[in-house]
Amino acid sequence: MILEKGRPIDTTNRLEKEISAYDFLDSLNIVYDRIDHAPAMTMEICVEIDKVLGATICKNLFLCNRQQTEFYLLMMPDDKPFKTKNLSQQIGSSRLSFATAEHMEKYLNITPGSVSVLGLINDTENKVTLLIDADVLKGEFFGCHPLINTSSLKIKTTDLMEKIIPALGNKFQTVELAAE
């Protein structure tokens, strides 16, 4: 795995949705580093990527309420446990569960294993609320996928807060998940 600056020079074998993530970041003049790697399907693989990337790799969870009418994208440190009760109380939504792959595709145009804040560029109706654990915001950089799980990006956390979130237009809330 080699850390490279910005988008790939050759995009011949890249998916359109991956290119759209780079287009979005470039349109906001965001500087980012990128590494290509084998599919990152487990947090263990992400730990190896994290070593090269030098950024906090976020665990990204796509959640919904019981009725599947409210959707949430949660960014949290990979080493924190996810407790639905704790989060539900903070956001005022009971019975949170993982949203279906179909909802993930519909709202974010991504598949399981590729969940990322950048998926919100596809949520043109702003149906998904972004939730970020306060500990993610403490790091200088965070890592995320460009809508596919065979590349990872290193982006300044200040760019997330000052450029990405305002450009997306989704509702946003900081949460504090308990560490164990």
Protein backbone atom coordinates (compact mmCIF):
# COMPACT_ATOMS: atom_id res chain seq x y z
CA MET A 1 0.00 0.00 0.00
CA ILE A 2 1.41 3.33 -1.09
CA LEU A 3 0.16 6.70 0.11
CA GLU A 4 -0.50 9.00 -2.85
CA LYS A 5 -1.68 12.60 -3.17
CA GLY A 6 -5.19 13.17 -4.50
CA ARG A 7 -7.19 11.30 -7.09
CA PRO A 8 -5.71 8.50 -9.20
CA ILE A 9 -4.08 9.68 -12.42
CA ASP A 10 -5.48 6.76 -14.40
CA THR A 11 -9.20 6.24 -13.74
CA THR A 12 -9.73 3.63 -16.45
CA ASN A 13 -10.79 0.80 -14.14
CA ARG A 14 -12.45 2.95 -11.47
CA LEU A 15 -16.17 2.99 -10.80
CA GLU A 16 -18.11 6.13 -11.65
CA LYS A 17 -19.19 6.53 -8.03
CA GLU A 18 -15.56 6.51 -6.87
CA ILE A 19 -14.71 9.22 -9.41
CA SER A 20 -17.70 11.25 -8.18
CA ALA A 21 -16.20 11.24 -4.67
CA TYR A 22 -12.93 12.68 -6.01
CA ASP A 23 -14.86 15.23 -8.10
CA PHE A 24 -16.75 16.34 -4.99
CA LEU A 25 -13.59 16.74 -2.89
CA ASP A 26 -11.75 18.51 -5.70
CA SER A 27 -14.69 20.90 -6.23
CA LEU A 28 -14.29 21.99 -2.59
CA ASN A 29 -10.49 22.37 -2.96
CA ILE A 30 -9.91 19.71 -0.34
CA VAL A 31 -6.41 18.24 -0.17
CA TYR A 32 -6.43 14.51 0.53
CA ASP A 33 -4.14 11.49 0.44
CA ARG A 34 -5.23 8.13 -0.95
CA ILE A 35 -4.16 4.52 -0.78
CA ASP A 36 -5.45 1.63 -2.86
CA HIS A 37 -5.75 -1.75 -1.18
CA ALA A 38 -7.56 -5.07 -1.14
CA PRO A 39 -11.23 -4.86 -0.11
CA ALA A 40 -11.47 -3.63 3.49
CA MET A 41 -14.22 -5.87 4.82
CA THR A 42 -13.13 -6.04 8.48
CA MET A 43 -11.87 -3.57 11.06
CA GLU A 44 -8.68 -5.68 11.32
CA ILE A 45 -7.86 -4.87 7.69
CA CYS A 46 -8.70 -1.24 8.38
CA VAL A 47 -6.14 -1.19 11.21
CA GLU A 48 -3.43 -2.10 8.68
CA ILE A 49 -4.68 0.61 6.34
CA ASP A 50 -4.69 3.05 9.27
CA LYS A 51 -0.98 2.46 9.82
CA VAL A 52 -0.19 3.58 6.28
CA LEU A 53 -2.80 6.33 6.17
CA GLY A 54 -1.88 7.90 9.50
CA ALA A 55 -5.47 8.92 10.23
CA THR A 56 -8.29 7.83 12.49
CA ILE A 57 -10.18 5.18 10.60
CA CYS A 58 -13.84 5.60 11.39
CA LYS A 59 -16.30 2.84 11.90
CA ASN A 60 -19.23 4.01 9.77
CA LEU A 61 -22.64 2.57 10.55
CA PHE A 62 -25.79 3.11 8.51
CA LEU A 63 -28.73 2.97 10.91
CA CYS A 64 -32.47 3.46 10.89
CA ASN A 65 -35.40 3.61 13.27
CA ARG A 66 -37.80 0.72 13.67
CA GLN A 67 -40.21 2.06 11.04
CA GLN A 68 -37.35 2.59 8.55
CA THR A 69 -38.41 6.20 8.09
CA GLU A 70 -35.42 7.94 9.71
CA PHE A 71 -31.85 7.14 8.60
CA TYR A 72 -28.54 7.93 10.26
CA LEU A 73 -24.90 7.67 9.24
CA LEU A 74 -22.77 7.29 12.36
CA MET A 75 -19.03 8.01 12.27
CA MET A 76 -17.25 6.67 15.33
CA PRO A 77 -13.72 5.58 16.32
CA ASP A 78 -13.07 1.98 15.36
CA ASP A 79 -12.13 1.04 18.92
CA LYS A 80 -15.39 2.14 20.56
CA PRO A 81 -18.25 -0.29 21.06
CA PHE A 82 -21.61 0.59 19.55
CA LYS A 83 -24.45 0.64 22.07
CA THR A 84 -27.82 1.46 20.55
CA LYS A 85 -29.35 2.51 23.88
CA ASN A 86 -26.71 5.19 24.45
CA LEU A 87 -27.08 6.61 20.95
CA SER A 88 -30.87 6.34 20.88
CA GLN A 89 -31.17 8.51 23.98
CA GLN A 90 -28.94 11.22 22.52
CA ILE A 91 -30.79 11.52 19.22
CA GLY A 92 -34.31 10.87 20.50
CA SER A 93 -34.93 7.83 18.33
CA SER A 94 -35.78 4.51 19.90
CA ARG A 95 -35.18 1.07 18.47
CA LEU A 96 -32.24 1.83 16.21
CA SER A 97 -31.01 -0.97 14.01
CA PHE A 98 -28.81 -1.44 10.98
CA ALA A 99 -30.43 -0.22 7.78
CA THR A 100 -30.78 -2.65 4.91
CA ALA A 101 -28.40 -2.89 1.98
CA GLU A 102 -31.27 -1.71 -0.20
CA HIS A 103 -31.63 1.50 1.81
CA MET A 104 -27.86 1.96 1.71
CA GLU A 105 -27.92 1.71 -2.07
CA LYS A 106 -31.00 3.93 -2.39
CA TYR A 107 -29.78 6.82 -0.22
CA LEU A 108 -25.98 6.60 -0.42
CA ASN A 109 -25.28 4.63 -3.63
CA ILE A 110 -22.91 2.36 -1.71
CA THR A 111 -22.77 -1.27 -0.70
CA PRO A 112 -22.02 -2.80 2.71
CA GLY A 113 -18.34 -2.43 3.56
CA SER A 114 -18.07 0.90 1.72
CA VAL A 115 -20.06 3.13 4.07
CA SER A 116 -18.56 6.61 4.27
CA VAL A 117 -19.52 10.20 4.93
CA LEU A 118 -18.89 10.75 1.21
CA GLY A 119 -21.93 8.59 0.48
CA LEU A 120 -24.00 11.59 1.54
CA ILE A 121 -23.15 13.27 -1.78
CA ASN A 122 -25.74 10.87 -3.24
CA ASP A 123 -28.41 11.76 -0.66
CA THR A 124 -29.82 14.58 -2.76
CA GLU A 125 -33.01 14.77 -0.66
CA ASN A 126 -31.06 14.93 2.65
CA LYS A 127 -32.92 11.98 4.15
CA VAL A 128 -29.90 10.85 6.21
CA THR A 129 -28.76 12.56 9.40
CA LEU A 130 -25.00 12.54 9.98
CA LEU A 131 -23.93 11.62 13.51
CA ILE A 132 -20.29 12.03 14.51
CA ASP A 133 -18.84 10.84 17.78
CA ALA A 134 -16.99 13.71 19.48
CA ASP A 135 -13.78 11.67 19.62
CA VAL A 136 -13.59 11.57 15.80
CA LEU A 137 -13.48 15.36 15.80
CA LYS A 138 -10.46 15.43 18.15
CA GLY A 139 -8.09 13.99 15.52
CA GLU A 140 -6.31 16.14 12.95
CA PHE A 141 -7.26 13.69 10.18
CA PHE A 142 -9.89 11.04 9.59
CA GLY A 143 -9.98 8.21 7.09
CA CYS A 144 -12.86 7.17 4.87
CA HIS A 145 -13.64 5.30 1.68
CA PRO A 146 -14.36 7.10 -1.61
CA LEU A 147 -17.64 5.13 -2.00
CA ILE A 148 -15.76 1.87 -2.58
CA ASN A 149 -13.79 -0.25 -0.13
CA THR A 150 -10.66 -0.76 -2.24
CA SER A 151 -9.33 2.75 -1.57
CA SER A 152 -9.10 4.89 1.54
CA LEU A 153 -8.65 8.62 1.94
CA LYS A 154 -6.96 10.78 4.56
CA ILE A 155 -8.78 14.09 4.98
CA LYS A 156 -8.34 16.93 7.49
CA THR A 157 -11.06 16.90 10.12
CA THR A 158 -11.36 20.68 9.77
CA ASP A 159 -12.22 20.16 6.09
CA LEU A 160 -14.97 17.77 7.16
CA MET A 161 -16.50 20.34 9.48
CA GLU A 162 -15.86 23.51 7.47
CA LYS A 163 -16.29 22.33 3.88
CA ILE A 164 -17.76 18.84 3.46
CA ILE A 165 -20.67 18.98 5.91
CA PRO A 166 -21.84 22.46 4.78
CA ALA A 167 -21.63 21.38 1.11
CA LEU A 168 -23.69 18.24 1.77
CA GLY A 169 -26.57 20.01 3.50
CA ASN A 170 -27.56 17.01 5.62
CA LYS A 171 -28.66 17.40 9.23
CA PHE A 172 -25.70 16.93 11.54
CA GLN A 173 -25.30 16.11 15.22
CA THR A 174 -22.29 15.45 17.44
CA VAL A 175 -22.80 12.53 19.83
CA GLU A 176 -20.75 11.11 22.69
CA LEU A 177 -20.54 7.35 22.75
CA ALA A 178 -19.17 5.67 25.85
CA ALA A 179 -15.85 3.86 25.67
CA GLU A 180 -15.43 0.59 27.52
